[in-house]
Amino acid sequence: MLAADPWVRTTDGAKMPEMTALFVSLTNPSDEDRVLVSADCGDIAGKVEIHEMVKVDGQMVMRKAEDGVTVKAGKHEHLAPGGPHVMLMDLTRELPAGSEELNCTLEFDDGQSIALVAPVKEFTEEQDTYHTHDGEDG
C-alpha cells in the first residue's frame, strides 16, 4: 500500500473545533483488495475513526465506516473532503493552519502500517453537510 499527499484540516474558523480530519491518497499496487482498518495520530485526538459518506433520507452524511475503507487491487482511494476520511475527535488543542505537522499511522487489514507526516492546512470549500453525522438533524 502506498500513501501520498496527506494533510489535516485546520480548526481555524471551524464550527466544531474539537474535531478535524486527515486526508490522504492511497494506492494499492497489489493484486488483492486491502482495507484501511484504523489510524492513530498520537495524543492530538482522544478518539480516531475511519469515516465514510453515505446518503440518508436524500442527504449525504458521515458515519463511522464499521468495515473500514477498501482500496481495491490495483486501484486508488482518495480520502478527501466529502468522501471517506480519518476523523480526529476530542482534540487536545487547536490546529491553526501552517502551525505544525501531525505524525499519523495508518493500519491495514494485512498488518501493514504506513507512517505519515501530515501538514495542517486550510480548507475553504467545506460543504455544510461535512459535519452532519448519521443520526443527527442536518
N, C-alpha and C. Protein backbone atom coordinates (compact mmCIF):
# COMPACT_ATOMS: atom_id res chain seq x y z
N MET A 1 0.85 -1.18 0.00
CA MET A 1 0.00 0.00 0.00
C MET A 1 0.89 1.24 0.00
N LEU A 2 0.50 2.22 -0.79
CA LEU A 2 1.24 3.48 -0.87
C LEU A 2 0.33 4.63 -0.45
N ALA A 3 0.92 5.64 0.19
CA ALA A 3 0.16 6.81 0.63
C ALA A 3 0.87 8.07 0.13
N ALA A 4 0.07 9.04 -0.33
CA ALA A 4 0.65 10.29 -0.85
C ALA A 4 -0.22 11.48 -0.45
N ASP A 5 0.41 12.63 -0.34
CA ASP A 5 -0.26 13.92 -0.11
C ASP A 5 -1.16 13.96 1.12
N PRO A 6 -0.67 13.50 2.28
CA PRO A 6 -1.51 13.60 3.48
C PRO A 6 -1.62 15.04 3.95
N TRP A 7 -2.77 15.38 4.53
CA TRP A 7 -2.95 16.69 5.17
C TRP A 7 -4.09 16.61 6.16
N VAL A 8 -4.07 17.53 7.11
CA VAL A 8 -5.09 17.63 8.14
C VAL A 8 -5.75 18.99 8.03
N ARG A 9 -7.08 19.02 8.11
CA ARG A 9 -7.82 20.28 8.02
C ARG A 9 -7.63 21.08 9.31
N THR A 10 -7.32 22.37 9.15
CA THR A 10 -7.17 23.26 10.30
C THR A 10 -8.46 23.37 11.09
N THR A 11 -8.34 23.71 12.36
CA THR A 11 -9.52 24.00 13.17
C THR A 11 -9.86 25.49 13.14
N ASP A 12 -9.04 26.31 12.46
CA ASP A 12 -9.31 27.75 12.33
C ASP A 12 -10.70 27.97 11.76
N GLY A 13 -11.55 28.67 12.47
CA GLY A 13 -12.87 29.03 11.98
C GLY A 13 -13.86 27.87 11.87
N ALA A 14 -13.50 26.70 12.37
CA ALA A 14 -14.38 25.53 12.28
C ALA A 14 -15.58 25.69 13.20
N LYS A 15 -16.75 25.21 12.73
CA LYS A 15 -17.94 25.22 13.57
C LYS A 15 -17.76 24.30 14.78
N MET A 16 -17.00 23.23 14.58
CA MET A 16 -16.76 22.25 15.64
C MET A 16 -15.24 22.07 15.78
N PRO A 17 -14.54 23.00 16.48
CA PRO A 17 -13.08 22.96 16.55
C PRO A 17 -12.52 21.79 17.36
N GLU A 18 -13.39 21.01 17.98
CA GLU A 18 -12.91 19.85 18.74
C GLU A 18 -12.69 18.63 17.85
N MET A 19 -12.95 18.79 16.54
CA MET A 19 -12.71 17.68 15.62
C MET A 19 -12.17 18.20 14.30
N THR A 20 -11.47 17.31 13.60
CA THR A 20 -10.95 17.62 12.28
C THR A 20 -10.79 16.31 11.53
N ALA A 21 -10.15 16.35 10.38
CA ALA A 21 -10.00 15.14 9.59
C ALA A 21 -8.63 15.09 8.92
N LEU A 22 -8.17 13.88 8.72
CA LEU A 22 -6.95 13.58 7.98
C LEU A 22 -7.36 13.07 6.60
N PHE A 23 -6.72 13.61 5.57
CA PHE A 23 -6.99 13.20 4.20
C PHE A 23 -5.69 12.70 3.58
N VAL A 24 -5.79 11.72 2.68
CA VAL A 24 -4.60 11.15 2.05
C VAL A 24 -5.05 10.34 0.83
N SER A 25 -4.18 10.25 -0.15
CA SER A 25 -4.44 9.42 -1.33
C SER A 25 -3.74 8.07 -1.14
N LEU A 26 -4.51 7.00 -1.26
CA LEU A 26 -3.97 5.65 -1.09
C LEU A 26 -3.94 4.94 -2.43
N THR A 27 -2.89 4.17 -2.67
CA THR A 27 -2.77 3.36 -3.88
C THR A 27 -2.44 1.94 -3.47
N ASN A 28 -3.17 1.00 -4.05
CA ASN A 28 -2.96 -0.41 -3.77
C ASN A 28 -2.35 -1.07 -5.00
N PRO A 29 -1.02 -1.26 -5.05
CA PRO A 29 -0.39 -1.85 -6.22
C PRO A 29 -0.49 -3.38 -6.25
N SER A 30 -1.05 -3.98 -5.19
CA SER A 30 -1.10 -5.44 -5.12
C SER A 30 -2.27 -5.99 -5.94
N ASP A 31 -2.34 -7.31 -5.98
CA ASP A 31 -3.44 -7.96 -6.71
C ASP A 31 -4.54 -8.42 -5.77
N GLU A 32 -4.53 -7.91 -4.53
CA GLU A 32 -5.58 -8.21 -3.56
C GLU A 32 -6.11 -6.92 -2.97
N ASP A 33 -7.43 -6.87 -2.72
CA ASP A 33 -8.01 -5.72 -2.05
C ASP A 33 -7.40 -5.58 -0.66
N ARG A 34 -7.25 -4.35 -0.20
CA ARG A 34 -6.77 -4.06 1.14
C ARG A 34 -7.77 -3.12 1.81
N VAL A 35 -7.84 -3.21 3.14
CA VAL A 35 -8.78 -2.39 3.89
C VAL A 35 -8.04 -1.57 4.93
N LEU A 36 -8.27 -0.25 4.90
CA LEU A 36 -7.78 0.63 5.95
C LEU A 36 -8.69 0.39 7.15
N VAL A 37 -8.12 -0.14 8.24
CA VAL A 37 -8.94 -0.52 9.38
C VAL A 37 -8.84 0.43 10.57
N SER A 38 -7.71 1.16 10.67
CA SER A 38 -7.60 2.10 11.79
C SER A 38 -6.49 3.10 11.51
N ALA A 39 -6.45 4.12 12.36
CA ALA A 39 -5.43 5.15 12.26
C ALA A 39 -5.14 5.68 13.65
N ASP A 40 -3.94 6.23 13.81
CA ASP A 40 -3.53 6.81 15.09
C ASP A 40 -2.72 8.07 14.80
N CYS A 41 -3.05 9.15 15.47
CA CYS A 41 -2.31 10.40 15.30
C CYS A 41 -1.76 10.89 16.64
N GLY A 42 -1.42 9.97 17.50
CA GLY A 42 -0.81 10.33 18.78
C GLY A 42 -1.79 10.96 19.74
N ASP A 43 -1.28 11.86 20.58
CA ASP A 43 -2.09 12.43 21.66
C ASP A 43 -2.92 13.64 21.24
N ILE A 44 -2.94 13.98 19.96
CA ILE A 44 -3.72 15.13 19.50
C ILE A 44 -5.23 14.87 19.58
N ALA A 45 -5.64 13.60 19.43
CA ALA A 45 -7.06 13.27 19.41
C ALA A 45 -7.38 12.20 20.45
N GLY A 46 -8.48 12.42 21.17
CA GLY A 46 -8.93 11.44 22.14
C GLY A 46 -9.54 10.22 21.47
N LYS A 47 -10.01 10.41 20.23
CA LYS A 47 -10.68 9.33 19.51
C LYS A 47 -10.40 9.51 18.01
N VAL A 48 -10.09 8.41 17.33
CA VAL A 48 -9.83 8.43 15.89
C VAL A 48 -10.67 7.34 15.24
N GLU A 49 -11.41 7.70 14.19
CA GLU A 49 -12.26 6.74 13.49
C GLU A 49 -12.11 6.92 11.98
N ILE A 50 -12.34 5.84 11.26
CA ILE A 50 -12.42 5.89 9.81
C ILE A 50 -13.88 6.20 9.49
N HIS A 51 -14.12 7.25 8.69
CA HIS A 51 -15.49 7.65 8.35
C HIS A 51 -15.74 7.53 6.85
N GLU A 52 -17.00 7.37 6.52
CA GLU A 52 -17.44 7.30 5.13
C GLU A 52 -18.64 8.21 4.96
N MET A 53 -18.91 8.58 3.73
CA MET A 53 -20.08 9.39 3.42
C MET A 53 -21.13 8.48 2.80
N VAL A 54 -22.38 8.59 3.29
CA VAL A 54 -23.48 7.80 2.77
C VAL A 54 -24.71 8.69 2.64
N LYS A 55 -25.63 8.28 1.79
CA LYS A 55 -26.86 9.04 1.60
C LYS A 55 -27.92 8.49 2.56
N VAL A 56 -28.48 9.37 3.39
CA VAL A 56 -29.54 9.01 4.32
C VAL A 56 -30.67 10.00 4.11
N ASP A 57 -31.85 9.50 3.76
CA ASP A 57 -33.02 10.35 3.51
C ASP A 57 -32.70 11.47 2.52
N GLY A 58 -31.93 11.13 1.49
CA GLY A 58 -31.63 12.08 0.43
C GLY A 58 -30.52 13.06 0.73
N GLN A 59 -29.91 12.95 1.92
CA GLN A 59 -28.83 13.87 2.30
C GLN A 59 -27.56 13.07 2.57
N MET A 60 -26.41 13.61 2.13
CA MET A 60 -25.13 12.96 2.39
C MET A 60 -24.72 13.26 3.84
N VAL A 61 -24.44 12.19 4.58
CA VAL A 61 -23.99 12.32 5.97
C VAL A 61 -22.76 11.46 6.17
N MET A 62 -22.01 11.77 7.21
CA MET A 62 -20.84 10.97 7.50
C MET A 62 -21.13 10.07 8.67
N ARG A 63 -20.54 8.87 8.60
CA ARG A 63 -20.69 7.92 9.70
C ARG A 63 -19.43 7.06 9.78
N LYS A 64 -19.29 6.40 10.91
CA LYS A 64 -18.15 5.51 11.10
C LYS A 64 -18.23 4.39 10.07
N ALA A 65 -17.11 4.11 9.40
CA ALA A 65 -17.03 3.01 8.44
C ALA A 65 -16.69 1.75 9.24
N GLU A 66 -17.72 1.04 9.66
CA GLU A 66 -17.53 -0.11 10.55
C GLU A 66 -16.58 -1.15 9.96
N ASP A 67 -16.58 -1.29 8.65
CA ASP A 67 -15.71 -2.28 8.00
C ASP A 67 -14.45 -1.65 7.41
N GLY A 68 -14.17 -0.39 7.76
CA GLY A 68 -13.00 0.30 7.22
C GLY A 68 -13.25 0.79 5.80
N VAL A 69 -12.19 1.20 5.14
CA VAL A 69 -12.27 1.68 3.76
C VAL A 69 -11.45 0.75 2.88
N THR A 70 -12.11 0.15 1.89
CA THR A 70 -11.45 -0.79 0.99
C THR A 70 -10.75 -0.04 -0.14
N VAL A 71 -9.51 -0.44 -0.39
CA VAL A 71 -8.76 0.04 -1.55
C VAL A 71 -8.62 -1.17 -2.47
N LYS A 72 -9.34 -1.14 -3.57
CA LYS A 72 -9.37 -2.28 -4.50
C LYS A 72 -7.98 -2.56 -5.07
N ALA A 73 -7.75 -3.81 -5.42
CA ALA A 73 -6.48 -4.23 -6.01
C ALA A 73 -6.18 -3.42 -7.26
N GLY A 74 -4.97 -2.86 -7.32
CA GLY A 74 -4.55 -2.10 -8.48
C GLY A 74 -5.22 -0.75 -8.65
N LYS A 75 -5.90 -0.27 -7.61
CA LYS A 75 -6.68 0.98 -7.70
C LYS A 75 -6.21 2.00 -6.66
N HIS A 76 -6.84 3.18 -6.75
CA HIS A 76 -6.60 4.28 -5.82
C HIS A 76 -7.87 4.52 -5.00
N GLU A 77 -7.69 5.04 -3.82
CA GLU A 77 -8.80 5.52 -2.99
C GLU A 77 -8.36 6.83 -2.39
N HIS A 78 -9.11 7.88 -2.67
CA HIS A 78 -8.75 9.21 -2.16
C HIS A 78 -9.58 9.50 -0.92
N LEU A 79 -8.91 9.59 0.21
CA LEU A 79 -9.57 10.04 1.42
C LEU A 79 -9.56 11.56 1.33
N ALA A 80 -10.74 12.13 1.09
CA ALA A 80 -10.84 13.55 0.75
C ALA A 80 -12.11 14.15 1.33
N PRO A 81 -12.17 15.48 1.45
CA PRO A 81 -13.40 16.13 1.91
C PRO A 81 -14.58 15.69 1.05
N GLY A 82 -15.67 15.35 1.72
CA GLY A 82 -16.86 14.89 1.01
C GLY A 82 -16.84 13.40 0.71
N GLY A 83 -15.77 12.72 1.11
CA GLY A 83 -15.64 11.28 0.88
C GLY A 83 -15.11 10.61 2.13
N PRO A 84 -14.57 9.40 1.99
CA PRO A 84 -14.01 8.75 3.17
C PRO A 84 -12.84 9.55 3.72
N HIS A 85 -12.63 9.47 5.03
CA HIS A 85 -11.57 10.22 5.68
C HIS A 85 -11.30 9.64 7.06
N VAL A 86 -10.21 10.07 7.67
CA VAL A 86 -9.89 9.69 9.04
C VAL A 86 -10.33 10.84 9.93
N MET A 87 -11.28 10.58 10.82
CA MET A 87 -11.84 11.61 11.69
C MET A 87 -11.07 11.65 13.01
N LEU A 88 -10.59 12.84 13.36
CA LEU A 88 -9.88 13.06 14.63
C LEU A 88 -10.82 13.83 15.55
N MET A 89 -11.23 13.19 16.65
CA MET A 89 -12.22 13.78 17.55
C MET A 89 -11.63 14.00 18.94
N ASP A 90 -12.31 14.84 19.72
CA ASP A 90 -11.87 15.18 21.07
C ASP A 90 -10.42 15.69 21.03
N LEU A 91 -10.18 16.67 20.15
CA LEU A 91 -8.83 17.22 20.01
C LEU A 91 -8.34 17.82 21.32
N THR A 92 -7.06 17.66 21.58
CA THR A 92 -6.46 18.18 22.81
C THR A 92 -6.00 19.62 22.67
N ARG A 93 -5.96 20.13 21.42
CA ARG A 93 -5.58 21.53 21.20
C ARG A 93 -6.06 21.94 19.81
N GLU A 94 -6.06 23.25 19.58
CA GLU A 94 -6.42 23.77 18.26
C GLU A 94 -5.29 23.49 17.28
N LEU A 95 -5.64 23.46 16.00
CA LEU A 95 -4.67 23.20 14.94
C LEU A 95 -4.73 24.34 13.92
N PRO A 96 -4.02 25.44 14.17
CA PRO A 96 -4.01 26.55 13.22
C PRO A 96 -3.32 26.13 11.91
N ALA A 97 -3.80 26.66 10.81
CA ALA A 97 -3.21 26.37 9.50
C ALA A 97 -1.74 26.74 9.50
N GLY A 98 -0.90 25.85 8.96
CA GLY A 98 0.52 26.09 8.86
C GLY A 98 1.28 25.97 10.17
N SER A 99 0.60 25.56 11.22
CA SER A 99 1.21 25.55 12.55
C SER A 99 2.14 24.37 12.80
N GLU A 100 1.82 23.25 12.23
CA GLU A 100 2.58 22.05 12.55
C GLU A 100 2.25 20.93 11.57
N GLU A 101 2.91 19.82 11.77
CA GLU A 101 2.64 18.62 11.02
C GLU A 101 2.33 17.52 12.03
N LEU A 102 1.32 16.72 11.73
CA LEU A 102 0.95 15.63 12.62
C LEU A 102 1.58 14.33 12.13
N ASN A 103 2.08 13.55 13.06
CA ASN A 103 2.58 12.22 12.75
C ASN A 103 1.44 11.23 12.97
N CYS A 104 1.02 10.58 11.91
CA CYS A 104 -0.08 9.64 11.97
C CYS A 104 0.35 8.30 11.38
N THR A 105 -0.30 7.24 11.82
CA THR A 105 -0.04 5.91 11.29
C THR A 105 -1.34 5.29 10.84
N LEU A 106 -1.35 4.76 9.61
CA LEU A 106 -2.49 4.05 9.07
C LEU A 106 -2.24 2.56 9.19
N GLU A 107 -3.27 1.81 9.58
CA GLU A 107 -3.16 0.36 9.73
C GLU A 107 -4.11 -0.33 8.76
N PHE A 108 -3.60 -1.36 8.10
CA PHE A 108 -4.39 -2.09 7.10
C PHE A 108 -4.65 -3.52 7.55
N ASP A 109 -5.64 -4.15 6.90
CA ASP A 109 -6.08 -5.48 7.29
C ASP A 109 -5.02 -6.56 7.15
N ASP A 110 -3.99 -6.33 6.34
CA ASP A 110 -2.93 -7.33 6.17
C ASP A 110 -1.79 -7.13 7.16
N GLY A 111 -1.96 -6.20 8.11
CA GLY A 111 -0.94 -5.95 9.11
C GLY A 111 0.03 -4.84 8.74
N GLN A 112 -0.04 -4.35 7.51
CA GLN A 112 0.85 -3.26 7.11
C GLN A 112 0.47 -1.97 7.81
N SER A 113 1.47 -1.20 8.19
CA SER A 113 1.21 0.14 8.72
C SER A 113 2.05 1.13 7.92
N ILE A 114 1.50 2.31 7.72
CA ILE A 114 2.18 3.37 6.99
C ILE A 114 2.23 4.60 7.88
N ALA A 115 3.44 5.12 8.10
CA ALA A 115 3.63 6.34 8.88
C ALA A 115 3.53 7.54 7.94
N LEU A 116 2.76 8.55 8.36
CA LEU A 116 2.55 9.76 7.57
C LEU A 116 2.98 10.98 8.36
N VAL A 117 3.41 12.00 7.66
CA VAL A 117 3.60 13.32 8.25
C VAL A 117 2.64 14.24 7.50
N ALA A 118 1.59 14.69 8.20
CA ALA A 118 0.51 15.43 7.57
C ALA A 118 0.50 16.89 8.03
N PRO A 119 0.76 17.83 7.11
CA PRO A 119 0.71 19.24 7.48
C PRO A 119 -0.73 19.69 7.73
N VAL A 120 -0.88 20.66 8.62
CA VAL A 120 -2.19 21.26 8.89
C VAL A 120 -2.41 22.36 7.85
N LYS A 121 -3.52 22.24 7.10
CA LYS A 121 -3.81 23.18 6.02
C LYS A 121 -5.22 23.72 6.13
N GLU A 122 -5.43 24.87 5.50
CA GLU A 122 -6.75 25.48 5.41
C GLU A 122 -7.54 24.78 4.32
N PHE A 123 -8.84 24.62 4.56
CA PHE A 123 -9.74 24.08 3.54
C PHE A 123 -10.92 25.02 3.46
N THR A 124 -11.06 25.70 2.33
CA THR A 124 -12.05 26.76 2.22
C THR A 124 -13.32 26.35 1.49
N GLU A 125 -13.38 25.13 0.97
CA GLU A 125 -14.55 24.72 0.19
C GLU A 125 -15.44 23.75 0.95
N GLU A 126 -15.38 23.80 2.27
CA GLU A 126 -16.13 22.86 3.08
C GLU A 126 -17.63 23.00 2.86
N GLN A 127 -18.28 21.87 2.67
CA GLN A 127 -19.72 21.86 2.46
C GLN A 127 -20.44 21.85 3.81
N ASP A 128 -21.66 22.37 3.82
CA ASP A 128 -22.44 22.39 5.05
C ASP A 128 -22.66 20.99 5.60
N THR A 129 -22.74 20.00 4.74
CA THR A 129 -23.04 18.63 5.18
C THR A 129 -21.83 17.91 5.73
N TYR A 130 -20.64 18.53 5.67
CA TYR A 130 -19.43 17.84 6.08
C TYR A 130 -19.50 17.36 7.52
N HIS A 131 -20.06 18.16 8.41
CA HIS A 131 -20.11 17.77 9.82
C HIS A 131 -21.43 17.13 10.22
N THR A 132 -22.29 16.80 9.27
CA THR A 132 -23.54 16.15 9.60
C THR A 132 -23.29 14.65 9.76
N HIS A 133 -23.56 14.14 10.94
CA HIS A 133 -23.36 12.73 11.21
C HIS A 133 -24.68 11.98 11.08
N ASP A 134 -24.59 10.71 10.75
CA ASP A 134 -25.76 9.85 10.68
C ASP A 134 -26.45 9.87 12.05
N GLY A 135 -27.74 10.11 12.05
CA GLY A 135 -28.49 10.17 13.28
C GLY A 135 -28.69 11.58 13.82
N GLU A 136 -28.00 12.57 13.23
CA GLU A 136 -28.18 13.97 13.64
C GLU A 136 -29.13 14.66 12.69
N ASP A 137 -29.79 15.67 13.18
CA ASP A 137 -30.58 16.52 12.30
C ASP A 137 -29.63 17.44 11.57
N GLY A 138 -29.85 17.65 10.24
CA GLY A 138 -28.97 18.46 9.42
C GLY A 138 -29.00 19.87 9.82
